[in-house]
């Protein structure tokens, strides 16, 4: 009986864990990475484009299985970290759970977040986790070989770039690992931010205020009841740049001067209840679509558009149990009431 090579061993191991035939993994690995994805460009409001890489149906099927497997093994909910779990919290829940009593907000996004992940470091983090979980009694080479196979299946690579593609099922979990997991004495990015705040509190005592940090996917939010000094903000941003990431959309907001905008939505107070205010162009567009549908109720295309819109609205205004978390703006609620019986 022929002994399996190390590569054959880890692929068979992975196939058994995913409960698929190893031939499917070999078939994907034989295709160059840049042929496994379709490149698309999505226009941005600022005139630029967002480049996404959509995996083939065969690769996407395997990535979904990998995603479920890795989440079952390693994913855990962390305080202040949102938007990564199954049935992930909406921006509304994120804000309400973490910062409802805060007066000052300091927020920033990570520019080209998924494409900026240090894949070599991610491979080391995966190797360490897989070694302790499965191969503690073997040489570390087994875990490293399996991590390389997983990265190959989850990443996009051509002659110029090697990135985690934004549209892949595994990308969100990989970004979570990169931001929250430590490696061989290296603290995680999120830990570094927590430590910077803790150091500031120790240096300045009560004068520094009660500052906290939360993360919603690639949107960082530092919030509290005291003004954040320029020097302190620079320290926080230095943590990001030290990890080869670029912070942008950097804002400091005072809730007394208007509702803050987080994750693309304005959030404010009304009758002791938080309300999310959708951008006016969005409201105008969907009021028009609803009006057209009220005139043409047999139009299946309009019906499907409205149903799709409502499914995204539900993530903002309702939790998983269907309880209403916030008020739906009247500009949408009234026309919606008129057409509900037609849907």
C-alpha atoms as a PDB file:
ATOM      1  CA  UNK A   1       0.000   0.000   0.000  1.00  0.00           C
ATOM      2  CA  UNK A   2       1.464   3.346  -1.107  1.00  0.00           C
ATOM      3  CA  UNK A   3       2.012   5.926   1.605  1.00  0.00           C
ATOM      4  CA  UNK A   4       0.377   9.284   1.040  1.00  0.00           C
ATOM      5  CA  UNK A   5       2.533  12.328   0.519  1.00  0.00           C
ATOM      6  CA  UNK A   6       2.028  15.177   2.976  1.00  0.00           C
ATOM      7  CA  UNK A   7      -0.007  17.148   0.418  1.00  0.00           C
ATOM      8  CA  UNK A   8      -2.207  14.145  -0.350  1.00  0.00           C
ATOM      9  CA  UNK A   9      -2.663  13.499   3.375  1.00  0.00           C
ATOM     10  CA  UNK A  10      -3.892  17.027   4.207  1.00  0.00           C
ATOM     11  CA  UNK A  11      -6.192  17.170   1.158  1.00  0.00           C
ATOM     12  CA  UNK A  12      -7.746  13.835   2.138  1.00  0.00           C
ATOM     13  CA  UNK A  13      -8.036  15.122   5.723  1.00  0.00           C
ATOM     14  CA  UNK A  14      -9.740  18.321   4.532  1.00  0.00           C
ATOM     15  CA  UNK A  15     -12.093  16.411   2.205  1.00  0.00           C
ATOM     16  CA  UNK A  16     -13.108  14.120   5.068  1.00  0.00           C
ATOM     17  CA  UNK A  17     -13.743  17.101   7.354  1.00  0.00           C
ATOM     18  CA  UNK A  18     -15.825  18.848   4.681  1.00  0.00           C
ATOM     19  CA  UNK A  19     -17.512  15.558   3.744  1.00  0.00           C
ATOM     20  CA  UNK A  20     -16.763  15.883   0.051  1.00  0.00           C
ATOM     21  CA  UNK A  21     -14.769  13.858  -2.466  1.00  0.00           C
ATOM     22  CA  UNK A  22     -11.093  14.871  -2.509  1.00  0.00           C
ATOM     23  CA  UNK A  23     -11.281  14.883  -6.328  1.00  0.00           C
ATOM     24  CA  UNK A  24     -13.334  18.103  -6.094  1.00  0.00           C
ATOM     25  CA  UNK A  25     -10.515  19.824  -4.198  1.00  0.00           C
ATOM     26  CA  UNK A  26      -7.889  18.578  -6.657  1.00  0.00           C
ATOM     27  CA  UNK A  27     -10.027  19.801  -9.579  1.00  0.00           C
ATOM     28  CA  UNK A  28     -10.146  23.333  -8.112  1.00  0.00           C
ATOM     29  CA  UNK A  29      -6.445  23.410  -7.195  1.00  0.00           C
ATOM     30  CA  UNK A  30      -5.446  22.446 -10.739  1.00  0.00           C
ATOM     31  CA  UNK A  31      -7.125  25.609 -12.093  1.00  0.00           C
ATOM     32  CA  UNK A  32      -4.981  28.783 -11.820  1.00  0.00           C
ATOM     33  CA  UNK A  33      -6.381  31.075  -9.131  1.00  0.00           C
ATOM     34  CA  UNK A  34      -7.249  33.929 -11.518  1.00  0.00           C
ATOM     35  CA  UNK A  35      -9.430  31.571 -13.620  1.00  0.00           C
ATOM     36  CA  UNK A  36     -11.514  30.560 -10.590  1.00  0.00           C
ATOM     37  CA  UNK A  37     -13.034  34.038 -10.230  1.00  0.00           C
ATOM     38  CA  UNK A  38     -15.001  36.501 -12.311  1.00  0.00           C
ATOM     39  CA  UNK A  39     -13.880  40.120 -11.909  1.00  0.00           C
ATOM     40  CA  UNK A  40     -16.631  42.732 -11.499  1.00  0.00           C
ATOM     41  CA  UNK A  41     -16.588  46.473 -10.885  1.00  0.00           C
ATOM     42  CA  UNK A  42     -19.327  48.153  -8.843  1.00  0.00           C
ATOM     43  CA  UNK A  43     -19.636  51.970  -9.147  1.00  0.00           C
ATOM     44  CA  UNK A  44     -19.193  53.975  -5.928  1.00  0.00           C
ATOM     45  CA  UNK A  45     -20.939  57.213  -4.978  1.00  0.00           C
ATOM     46  CA  UNK A  46     -17.628  59.096  -5.078  1.00  0.00           C
ATOM     47  CA  UNK A  47     -17.123  58.174  -8.727  1.00  0.00           C
ATOM     48  CA  UNK A  48     -14.680  55.330  -8.109  1.00  0.00           C
ATOM     49  CA  UNK A  49     -15.309  51.615  -8.454  1.00  0.00           C
ATOM     50  CA  UNK A  50     -15.306  48.708  -6.025  1.00  0.00           C
ATOM     51  CA  UNK A  51     -13.535  45.677  -7.506  1.00  0.00           C
ATOM     52  CA  UNK A  52     -14.921  42.318  -6.447  1.00  0.00           C
ATOM     53  CA  UNK A  53     -13.954  38.796  -7.472  1.00  0.00           C
ATOM     54  CA  UNK A  54     -16.856  36.321  -7.653  1.00  0.00           C
ATOM     55  CA  UNK A  55     -15.819  32.666  -7.260  1.00  0.00           C
ATOM     56  CA  UNK A  56     -17.083  30.017  -9.656  1.00  0.00           C
ATOM     57  CA  UNK A  57     -20.059  27.967  -8.500  1.00  0.00           C
ATOM     58  CA  UNK A  58     -17.833  24.924  -7.798  1.00  0.00           C
ATOM     59  CA  UNK A  59     -15.347  26.945  -5.763  1.00  0.00           C
ATOM     60  CA  UNK A  60     -18.112  28.833  -3.952  1.00  0.00           C
ATOM     61  CA  UNK A  61     -19.672  25.532  -2.866  1.00  0.00           C
ATOM     62  CA  UNK A  62     -16.362  24.397  -1.341  1.00  0.00           C
ATOM     63  CA  UNK A  63     -15.755  27.820   0.260  1.00  0.00           C
ATOM     64  CA  UNK A  64     -19.160  27.666   1.961  1.00  0.00           C
ATOM     65  CA  UNK A  65     -18.261  24.297   3.462  1.00  0.00           C
ATOM     66  CA  UNK A  66     -14.863  25.621   4.572  1.00  0.00           C
ATOM     67  CA  UNK A  67     -16.553  28.660   6.101  1.00  0.00           C
ATOM     68  CA  UNK A  68     -18.967  26.531   8.142  1.00  0.00           C
ATOM     69  CA  UNK A  69     -16.167  24.176   9.207  1.00  0.00           C
ATOM     70  CA  UNK A  70     -13.771  26.951  10.340  1.00  0.00           C
ATOM     71  CA  UNK A  71     -16.556  28.846  12.129  1.00  0.00           C
ATOM     72  CA  UNK A  72     -17.518  25.718  14.016  1.00  0.00           C
ATOM     73  CA  UNK A  73     -13.883  25.192  15.066  1.00  0.00           C
ATOM     74  CA  UNK A  74     -12.596  28.682  15.792  1.00  0.00           C
ATOM     75  CA  UNK A  75     -15.212  31.428  15.600  1.00  0.00           C
ATOM     76  CA  UNK A  76     -16.465  32.920  18.850  1.00  0.00           C
ATOM     77  CA  UNK A  77     -18.370  36.097  19.565  1.00  0.00           C
ATOM     78  CA  UNK A  78     -16.224  38.759  21.193  1.00  0.00           C
ATOM     79  CA  UNK A  79     -17.425  41.758  23.163  1.00  0.00           C
ATOM     80  CA  UNK A  80     -17.506  44.796  20.923  1.00  0.00           C
ATOM     81  CA  UNK A  81     -17.002  42.789  17.722  1.00  0.00           C
ATOM     82  CA  UNK A  82     -20.045  42.644  15.463  1.00  0.00           C
ATOM     83  CA  UNK A  83     -21.122  41.842  11.926  1.00  0.00           C
ATOM     84  CA  UNK A  84     -19.256  38.532  11.494  1.00  0.00           C
ATOM     85  CA  UNK A  85     -21.617  35.942  12.969  1.00  0.00           C
ATOM     86  CA  UNK A  86     -24.471  34.075  11.317  1.00  0.00           C
ATOM     87  CA  UNK A  87     -27.514  36.331  11.599  1.00  0.00           C
ATOM     88  CA  UNK A  88     -25.072  39.148  12.246  1.00  0.00           C
ATOM     89  CA  UNK A  89     -26.228  42.238  14.075  1.00  0.00           C
ATOM     90  CA  UNK A  90     -27.428  45.158  12.014  1.00  0.00           C
ATOM     91  CA  UNK A  91     -25.794  48.570  12.302  1.00  0.00           C
ATOM     92  CA  UNK A  92     -28.797  49.557  14.422  1.00  0.00           C
ATOM     93  CA  UNK A  93     -28.193  46.805  16.997  1.00  0.00           C
ATOM     94  CA  UNK A  94     -24.437  47.488  16.978  1.00  0.00           C
ATOM     95  CA  UNK A  95     -24.997  51.104  17.913  1.00  0.00           C
ATOM     96  CA  UNK A  96     -27.727  50.457  20.481  1.00  0.00           C
ATOM     97  CA  UNK A  97     -25.796  47.708  22.266  1.00  0.00           C
ATOM     98  CA  UNK A  98     -22.534  49.598  22.526  1.00  0.00           C
ATOM     99  CA  UNK A  99     -22.842  53.344  22.375  1.00  0.00           C
ATOM    100  CA  UNK A 100     -26.355  54.534  23.132  1.00  0.00           C
ATOM    101  CA  UNK A 101     -25.284  56.772  26.051  1.00  0.00           C
ATOM    102  CA  UNK A 102     -22.107  58.121  24.460  1.00  0.00           C
ATOM    103  CA  UNK A 103     -21.718  61.756  23.510  1.00  0.00           C
ATOM    104  CA  UNK A 104     -18.526  61.677  21.440  1.00  0.00           C
ATOM    105  CA  UNK A 105     -17.762  59.329  18.554  1.00  0.00           C
ATOM    106  CA  UNK A 106     -14.478  58.756  16.774  1.00  0.00           C
ATOM    107  CA  UNK A 107     -14.947  56.443  13.798  1.00  0.00           C
ATOM    108  CA  UNK A 108     -12.978  55.228  10.806  1.00  0.00           C
ATOM    109  CA  UNK A 109     -13.092  52.513   8.159  1.00  0.00           C
ATOM    110  CA  UNK A 110     -10.313  50.337   6.785  1.00  0.00           C
ATOM    111  CA  UNK A 111      -9.587  51.252   3.173  1.00  0.00           C
ATOM    112  CA  UNK A 112      -9.827  48.236   0.832  1.00  0.00           C
ATOM    113  CA  UNK A 113     -10.246  46.124   3.955  1.00  0.00           C
ATOM    114  CA  UNK A 114     -10.368  42.601   2.522  1.00  0.00           C
ATOM    115  CA  UNK A 115      -7.679  43.298  -0.070  1.00  0.00           C
ATOM    116  CA  UNK A 116      -5.372  44.725   2.637  1.00  0.00           C
ATOM    117  CA  UNK A 117      -5.148  41.569   4.741  1.00  0.00           C
ATOM    118  CA  UNK A 118      -1.597  40.328   5.262  1.00  0.00           C
ATOM    119  CA  UNK A 119      -2.080  36.816   3.854  1.00  0.00           C
ATOM    120  CA  UNK A 120       1.313  35.561   5.046  1.00  0.00           C
ATOM    121  CA  UNK A 121       0.346  36.475   8.619  1.00  0.00           C
ATOM    122  CA  UNK A 122      -3.109  34.973   8.116  1.00  0.00           C
ATOM    123  CA  UNK A 123      -1.480  31.725   6.978  1.00  0.00           C
ATOM    124  CA  UNK A 124       0.639  31.668  10.166  1.00  0.00           C
ATOM    125  CA  UNK A 125      -2.440  32.273  12.347  1.00  0.00           C
ATOM    126  CA  UNK A 126      -4.268  29.418  10.611  1.00  0.00           C
ATOM    127  CA  UNK A 127      -1.231  27.148  10.935  1.00  0.00           C
ATOM    128  CA  UNK A 128      -1.036  27.788  14.674  1.00  0.00           C
ATOM    129  CA  UNK A 129      -4.759  27.151  15.214  1.00  0.00           C
ATOM    130  CA  UNK A 130      -4.836  23.995  13.082  1.00  0.00           C
ATOM    131  CA  UNK A 131      -1.710  22.607  14.764  1.00  0.00           C
ATOM    132  CA  UNK A 132      -3.162  22.892  18.278  1.00  0.00           C
ATOM    133  CA  UNK A 133      -6.571  21.628  17.148  1.00  0.00           C
ATOM    134  CA  UNK A 134      -5.598  18.628  15.008  1.00  0.00           C
ATOM    135  CA  UNK A 135      -1.846  18.016  14.732  1.00  0.00           C
ATOM    136  CA  UNK A 136      -0.404  18.572  18.210  1.00  0.00           C
ATOM    137  CA  UNK A 137       1.202  15.095  18.081  1.00  0.00           C
ATOM    138  CA  UNK A 138       2.649  15.670  14.595  1.00  0.00           C
ATOM    139  CA  UNK A 139       5.267  17.997  13.198  1.00  0.00           C
ATOM    140  CA  UNK A 140       4.013  21.493  12.487  1.00  0.00           C
ATOM    141  CA  UNK A 141       4.453  20.829   8.755  1.00  0.00           C
ATOM    142  CA  UNK A 142       1.068  19.083   8.561  1.00  0.00           C
ATOM    143  CA  UNK A 143      -0.760  22.131   9.894  1.00  0.00           C
ATOM    144  CA  UNK A 144       1.275  24.443   7.669  1.00  0.00           C
ATOM    145  CA  UNK A 145       0.512  22.383   4.565  1.00  0.00           C
ATOM    146  CA  UNK A 146      -3.204  22.374   5.388  1.00  0.00           C
ATOM    147  CA  UNK A 147      -3.156  26.146   5.996  1.00  0.00           C
ATOM    148  CA  UNK A 148      -1.507  26.638   2.582  1.00  0.00           C
ATOM    149  CA  UNK A 149      -4.215  24.545   0.893  1.00  0.00           C
ATOM    150  CA  UNK A 150      -6.965  26.514   2.674  1.00  0.00           C
ATOM    151  CA  UNK A 151      -5.415  29.870   1.743  1.00  0.00           C
ATOM    152  CA  UNK A 152      -5.112  28.665  -1.856  1.00  0.00           C
ATOM    153  CA  UNK A 153      -8.830  27.815  -1.899  1.00  0.00           C
ATOM    154  CA  UNK A 154      -9.880  31.068  -0.215  1.00  0.00           C
ATOM    155  CA  UNK A 155      -7.672  33.639  -1.968  1.00  0.00           C
ATOM    156  CA  UNK A 156      -7.294  35.201  -5.400  1.00  0.00           C
ATOM    157  CA  UNK A 157      -3.844  35.404  -6.952  1.00  0.00           C
ATOM    158  CA  UNK A 158      -2.432  36.577 -10.249  1.00  0.00           C
ATOM    159  CA  UNK A 159       0.967  37.912 -11.307  1.00  0.00           C
ATOM    160  CA  UNK A 160       0.576  41.150  -9.336  1.00  0.00           C
ATOM    161  CA  UNK A 161      -1.680  40.551  -6.326  1.00  0.00           C
ATOM    162  CA  UNK A 162      -2.574  37.947  -3.727  1.00  0.00           C
ATOM    163  CA  UNK A 163      -5.727  38.961  -1.865  1.00  0.00           C
ATOM    164  CA  UNK A 164      -8.771  37.732   0.021  1.00  0.00           C
ATOM    165  CA  UNK A 165     -11.606  38.405  -2.487  1.00  0.00           C
ATOM    166  CA  UNK A 166     -14.466  40.466  -1.109  1.00  0.00           C
ATOM    167  CA  UNK A 167     -17.296  38.354  -2.533  1.00  0.00           C
ATOM    168  CA  UNK A 168     -16.126  34.939  -1.288  1.00  0.00           C
ATOM    169  CA  UNK A 169     -18.104  33.194   1.523  1.00  0.00           C
ATOM    170  CA  UNK A 170     -14.914  32.790   3.585  1.00  0.00           C
ATOM    171  CA  UNK A 171     -13.699  36.412   3.369  1.00  0.00           C
ATOM    172  CA  UNK A 172     -15.582  37.776   6.383  1.00  0.00           C
ATOM    173  CA  UNK A 173     -14.210  35.065   8.686  1.00  0.00           C
ATOM    174  CA  UNK A 174     -10.663  35.581   7.380  1.00  0.00           C
ATOM    175  CA  UNK A 175     -10.926  39.311   8.105  1.00  0.00           C
ATOM    176  CA  UNK A 176     -12.236  38.524  11.612  1.00  0.00           C
ATOM    177  CA  UNK A 177      -9.233  36.243  12.243  1.00  0.00           C
ATOM    178  CA  UNK A 178      -6.779  38.839  10.980  1.00  0.00           C
ATOM    179  CA  UNK A 179      -8.192  41.606  13.234  1.00  0.00           C
ATOM    180  CA  UNK A 180      -8.900  39.659  16.415  1.00  0.00           C
ATOM    181  CA  UNK A 181      -6.417  36.780  16.673  1.00  0.00           C
ATOM    182  CA  UNK A 182      -2.950  36.971  18.215  1.00  0.00           C
ATOM    183  CA  UNK A 183       0.075  35.071  16.903  1.00  0.00           C
ATOM    184  CA  UNK A 184       3.328  34.044  18.629  1.00  0.00           C
ATOM    185  CA  UNK A 185       3.486  36.973  21.017  1.00  0.00           C
ATOM    186  CA  UNK A 186       2.003  39.443  18.525  1.00  0.00           C
ATOM    187  CA  UNK A 187      -1.135  41.018  19.982  1.00  0.00           C
ATOM    188  CA  UNK A 188      -4.164  41.313  17.732  1.00  0.00           C
ATOM    189  CA  UNK A 189      -5.095  44.662  16.186  1.00  0.00           C
ATOM    190  CA  UNK A 190      -8.202  44.889  18.335  1.00  0.00           C
ATOM    191  CA  UNK A 191      -6.159  44.134  21.481  1.00  0.00           C
ATOM    192  CA  UNK A 192      -3.693  46.886  20.554  1.00  0.00           C
ATOM    193  CA  UNK A 193      -6.562  49.397  20.356  1.00  0.00           C
ATOM    194  CA  UNK A 194      -7.944  48.236  23.717  1.00  0.00           C
ATOM    195  CA  UNK A 195      -4.465  48.520  25.243  1.00  0.00           C
ATOM    196  CA  UNK A 196      -3.988  52.042  23.854  1.00  0.00           C
ATOM    197  CA  UNK A 197      -7.236  53.133  25.527  1.00  0.00           C
ATOM    198  CA  UNK A 198      -6.282  51.381  28.769  1.00  0.00           C
ATOM    199  CA  UNK A 199      -2.886  53.124  28.774  1.00  0.00           C
ATOM    200  CA  UNK A 200      -4.547  56.499  28.227  1.00  0.00           C
ATOM    201  CA  UNK A 201      -6.897  55.874  31.155  1.00  0.00           C
ATOM    202  CA  UNK A 202      -3.982  54.888  33.415  1.00  0.00           C
ATOM    203  CA  UNK A 203      -1.999  57.987  32.443  1.00  0.00           C
ATOM    204  CA  UNK A 204      -4.803  60.521  32.808  1.00  0.00           C
ATOM    205  CA  UNK A 205      -7.133  58.837  35.277  1.00  0.00           C
ATOM    206  CA  UNK A 206     -10.735  60.022  35.386  1.00  0.00           C
ATOM    207  CA  UNK A 207      -9.960  63.004  33.163  1.00  0.00           C
ATOM    208  CA  UNK A 208      -9.636  60.700  30.149  1.00  0.00           C
ATOM    209  CA  UNK A 209     -13.283  59.601  30.376  1.00  0.00           C
ATOM    210  CA  UNK A 210     -14.779  56.168  29.836  1.00  0.00           C
ATOM    211  CA  UNK A 211     -13.705  55.341  26.283  1.00  0.00           C
ATOM    212  CA  UNK A 212     -14.449  52.039  24.556  1.00  0.00           C
ATOM    213  CA  UNK A 213     -13.797  50.548  21.144  1.00  0.00           C
ATOM    214  CA  UNK A 214     -16.077  48.427  18.975  1.00  0.00           C
ATOM    215  CA  UNK A 215     -15.761  46.898  15.555  1.00  0.00           C
ATOM    216  CA  UNK A 216     -18.503  46.348  12.994  1.00  0.00           C
ATOM    217  CA  UNK A 217     -16.849  44.413  10.136  1.00  0.00           C
ATOM    218  CA  UNK A 218     -14.285  47.013   8.916  1.00  0.00           C
ATOM    219  CA  UNK A 219     -15.823  50.017  10.721  1.00  0.00           C
ATOM    220  CA  UNK A 220     -14.073  50.935  13.985  1.00  0.00           C
ATOM    221  CA  UNK A 221     -15.905  53.040  16.544  1.00  0.00           C
ATOM    222  CA  UNK A 222     -14.315  54.622  19.617  1.00  0.00           C
ATOM    223  CA  UNK A 223     -16.945  56.228  21.831  1.00  0.00           C
ATOM    224  CA  UNK A 224     -17.239  57.869  25.218  1.00  0.00           C
ATOM    225  CA  UNK A 225     -18.409  60.869  27.191  1.00  0.00           C
ATOM    226  CA  UNK A 226     -15.223  62.985  26.996  1.00  0.00           C
ATOM    227  CA  UNK A 227     -13.468  64.790  24.172  1.00  0.00           C
ATOM    228  CA  UNK A 228     -10.796  62.669  22.476  1.00  0.00           C
ATOM    229  CA  UNK A 229      -7.520  64.593  22.158  1.00  0.00           C
ATOM    230  CA  UNK A 230      -5.704  64.833  18.824  1.00  0.00           C
ATOM    231  CA  UNK A 231      -2.699  63.101  20.367  1.00  0.00           C
ATOM    232  CA  UNK A 232      -4.831  60.165  21.524  1.00  0.00           C
ATOM    233  CA  UNK A 233      -6.513  59.844  18.126  1.00  0.00           C
ATOM    234  CA  UNK A 234      -3.113  59.719  16.460  1.00  0.00           C
ATOM    235  CA  UNK A 235      -2.088  56.879  18.792  1.00  0.00           C
ATOM    236  CA  UNK A 236      -5.170  54.878  17.792  1.00  0.00           C
ATOM    237  CA  UNK A 237      -4.596  55.477  14.089  1.00  0.00           C
ATOM    238  CA  UNK A 238      -0.938  54.500  14.539  1.00  0.00           C
ATOM    239  CA  UNK A 239      -2.092  51.031  15.637  1.00  0.00           C
ATOM    240  CA  UNK A 240      -3.861  50.668  12.266  1.00  0.00           C
ATOM    241  CA  UNK A 241      -0.951  51.934  10.165  1.00  0.00           C
ATOM    242  CA  UNK A 242       1.532  49.726  12.071  1.00  0.00           C
ATOM    243  CA  UNK A 243      -0.392  46.725  10.734  1.00  0.00           C
ATOM    244  CA  UNK A 244      -0.103  47.902   7.117  1.00  0.00           C
ATOM    245  CA  UNK A 245      -3.739  49.023   7.027  1.00  0.00           C
ATOM    246  CA  UNK A 246      -5.042  52.433   5.985  1.00  0.00           C
ATOM    247  CA  UNK A 247      -7.746  54.213   7.954  1.00  0.00           C
ATOM    248  CA  UNK A 248     -10.103  56.495   6.035  1.00  0.00           C
ATOM    249  CA  UNK A 249     -13.472  58.209   6.492  1.00  0.00           C
ATOM    250  CA  UNK A 250     -12.047  59.433   9.811  1.00  0.00           C
ATOM    251  CA  UNK A 251     -14.631  61.411  11.776  1.00  0.00           C
ATOM    252  CA  UNK A 252     -15.121  62.846  15.244  1.00  0.00           C
ATOM    253  CA  UNK A 253     -18.785  63.536  16.017  1.00  0.00           C
ATOM    254  CA  UNK A 254     -20.724  65.177  18.831  1.00  0.00           C
ATOM    255  CA  UNK A 255     -24.309  63.898  19.200  1.00  0.00           C
ATOM    256  CA  UNK A 256     -25.466  67.385  20.258  1.00  0.00           C
ATOM    257  CA  UNK A 257     -24.704  68.637  16.743  1.00  0.00           C
ATOM    258  CA  UNK A 258     -26.665  66.085  14.754  1.00  0.00           C
ATOM    259  CA  UNK A 259     -27.036  62.329  14.629  1.00  0.00           C
ATOM    260  CA  UNK A 260     -23.800  60.421  13.926  1.00  0.00           C
ATOM    261  CA  UNK A 261     -23.407  58.437  10.732  1.00  0.00           C
ATOM    262  CA  UNK A 262     -22.213  54.879  11.256  1.00  0.00           C
ATOM    263  CA  UNK A 263     -21.959  52.070   8.702  1.00  0.00           C
ATOM    264  CA  UNK A 264     -23.597  54.370   6.155  1.00  0.00           C
ATOM    265  CA  UNK A 265     -26.666  55.243   8.270  1.00  0.00           C
ATOM    266  CA  UNK A 266     -27.562  58.298  10.310  1.00  0.00           C
ATOM    267  CA  UNK A 267     -28.636  57.297  13.802  1.00  0.00           C
ATOM    268  CA  UNK A 268     -30.388  59.573  16.307  1.00  0.00           C
ATOM    269  CA  UNK A 269     -32.914  59.699  19.150  1.00  0.00           C
ATOM    270  CA  UNK A 270     -36.671  60.013  19.083  1.00  0.00           C
ATOM    271  CA  UNK A 271     -38.892  59.499  22.149  1.00  0.00           C
ATOM    272  CA  UNK A 272     -36.077  57.608  23.930  1.00  0.00           C
ATOM    273  CA  UNK A 273     -35.902  55.213  20.956  1.00  0.00           C
ATOM    274  CA  UNK A 274     -33.192  55.060  18.336  1.00  0.00           C
ATOM    275  CA  UNK A 275     -34.251  55.659  14.755  1.00  0.00           C
ATOM    276  CA  UNK A 276     -32.254  55.031  11.614  1.00  0.00           C
ATOM    277  CA  UNK A 277     -32.691  57.682   8.944  1.00  0.00           C
ATOM    278  CA  UNK A 278     -32.168  56.270   5.467  1.00  0.00           C
ATOM    279  CA  UNK A 279     -30.489  58.630   2.970  1.00  0.00           C
ATOM    280  CA  UNK A 280     -33.041  60.838   1.192  1.00  0.00           C
ATOM    281  CA  UNK A 281     -32.205  59.567  -2.353  1.00  0.00           C
ATOM    282  CA  UNK A 282     -32.897  56.001  -1.158  1.00  0.00           C
ATOM    283  CA  UNK A 283     -36.276  57.000   0.257  1.00  0.00           C
ATOM    284  CA  UNK A 284     -37.217  58.900  -2.925  1.00  0.00           C
ATOM    285  CA  UNK A 285     -36.245  55.968  -5.138  1.00  0.00           C
ATOM    286  CA  UNK A 286     -38.278  53.413  -3.202  1.00  0.00           C
ATOM    287  CA  UNK A 287     -41.301  55.684  -2.803  1.00  0.00           C
ATOM    288  CA  UNK A 288     -41.337  55.929  -6.606  1.00  0.00           C
ATOM    289  CA  UNK A 289     -40.992  52.150  -7.029  1.00  0.00           C
ATOM    290  CA  UNK A 290     -43.839  51.542  -4.565  1.00  0.00           C
ATOM    291  CA  UNK A 291     -46.024  54.084  -6.355  1.00  0.00           C
ATOM    292  CA  UNK A 292     -45.351  52.388  -9.723  1.00  0.00           C
ATOM    293  CA  UNK A 293     -46.238  49.024  -8.203  1.00  0.00           C
ATOM    294  CA  UNK A 294     -49.530  50.381  -6.805  1.00  0.00           C
ATOM    295  CA  UNK A 295     -50.450  51.353 -10.394  1.00  0.00           C
ATOM    296  CA  UNK A 296     -49.160  48.091 -11.914  1.00  0.00           C
ATOM    297  CA  UNK A 297     -49.678  45.359  -9.267  1.00  0.00           C
ATOM    298  CA  UNK A 298     -49.182  42.575 -11.844  1.00  0.00           C
ATOM    299  CA  UNK A 299     -45.608  43.658 -12.577  1.00  0.00           C
ATOM    300  CA  UNK A 300     -43.522  40.780 -11.207  1.00  0.00           C
ATOM    301  CA  UNK A 301     -40.247  42.682 -11.600  1.00  0.00           C
ATOM    302  CA  UNK A 302     -41.420  45.537  -9.350  1.00  0.00           C
ATOM    303  CA  UNK A 303     -42.806  43.054  -6.826  1.00  0.00           C
ATOM    304  CA  UNK A 304     -39.450  41.242  -6.592  1.00  0.00           C
ATOM    305  CA  UNK A 305     -37.536  44.538  -6.278  1.00  0.00           C
ATOM    306  CA  UNK A 306     -39.709  45.638  -3.360  1.00  0.00           C
ATOM    307  CA  UNK A 307     -39.417  42.253  -1.632  1.00  0.00           C
ATOM    308  CA  UNK A 308     -35.634  42.438  -1.947  1.00  0.00           C
ATOM    309  CA  UNK A 309     -35.606  45.944  -0.499  1.00  0.00           C
ATOM    310  CA  UNK A 310     -37.828  44.895   2.412  1.00  0.00           C
ATOM    311  CA  UNK A 311     -35.521  41.991   3.254  1.00  0.00           C
ATOM    312  CA  UNK A 312     -32.630  44.451   3.648  1.00  0.00           C
ATOM    313  CA  UNK A 313     -34.806  46.864   5.663  1.00  0.00           C
ATOM    314  CA  UNK A 314     -35.753  44.044   8.020  1.00  0.00           C
ATOM    315  CA  UNK A 315     -32.082  43.633   8.959  1.00  0.00           C
ATOM    316  CA  UNK A 316     -32.047  47.252  10.103  1.00  0.00           C
ATOM    317  CA  UNK A 317     -35.356  47.528  11.907  1.00  0.00           C
ATOM    318  CA  UNK A 318     -36.079  44.016  13.227  1.00  0.00           C
ATOM    319  CA  UNK A 319     -34.068  41.417  15.110  1.00  0.00           C
ATOM    320  CA  UNK A 320     -33.930  37.671  14.365  1.00  0.00           C
ATOM    321  CA  UNK A 321     -37.061  37.054  16.441  1.00  0.00           C
ATOM    322  CA  UNK A 322     -39.032  39.604  14.419  1.00  0.00           C
ATOM    323  CA  UNK A 323     -39.237  42.176  17.223  1.00  0.00           C
ATOM    324  CA  UNK A 324     -39.150  45.763  15.998  1.00  0.00           C
ATOM    325  CA  UNK A 325     -36.000  47.524  17.112  1.00  0.00           C
ATOM    326  CA  UNK A 326     -36.663  50.960  15.695  1.00  0.00           C
ATOM    327  CA  UNK A 327     -39.211  53.040  13.821  1.00  0.00           C
ATOM    328  CA  UNK A 328     -39.469  52.817  10.040  1.00  0.00           C
ATOM    329  CA  UNK A 329     -39.514  56.348   8.564  1.00  0.00           C
ATOM    330  CA  UNK A 330     -43.041  57.554   7.712  1.00  0.00           C
ATOM    331  CA  UNK A 331     -41.915  58.444   4.185  1.00  0.00           C
ATOM    332  CA  UNK A 332     -41.594  54.702   3.562  1.00  0.00           C
ATOM    333  CA  UNK A 333     -44.112  53.350   6.049  1.00  0.00           C
ATOM    334  CA  UNK A 334     -47.148  55.074   4.529  1.00  0.00           C
ATOM    335  CA  UNK A 335     -46.676  53.944   0.901  1.00  0.00           C
ATOM    336  CA  UNK A 336     -45.676  50.509   2.204  1.00  0.00           C
ATOM    337  CA  UNK A 337     -48.973  50.142   4.081  1.00  0.00           C
ATOM    338  CA  UNK A 338     -50.875  50.867   0.835  1.00  0.00           C
ATOM    339  CA  UNK A 339     -49.215  48.039  -1.130  1.00  0.00           C
ATOM    340  CA  UNK A 340     -48.669  45.359   1.560  1.00  0.00           C
ATOM    341  CA  UNK A 341     -51.835  43.493   0.542  1.00  0.00           C
ATOM    342  CA  UNK A 342     -50.561  43.361  -3.066  1.00  0.00           C
ATOM    343  CA  UNK A 343     -47.260  41.694  -2.135  1.00  0.00           C
END
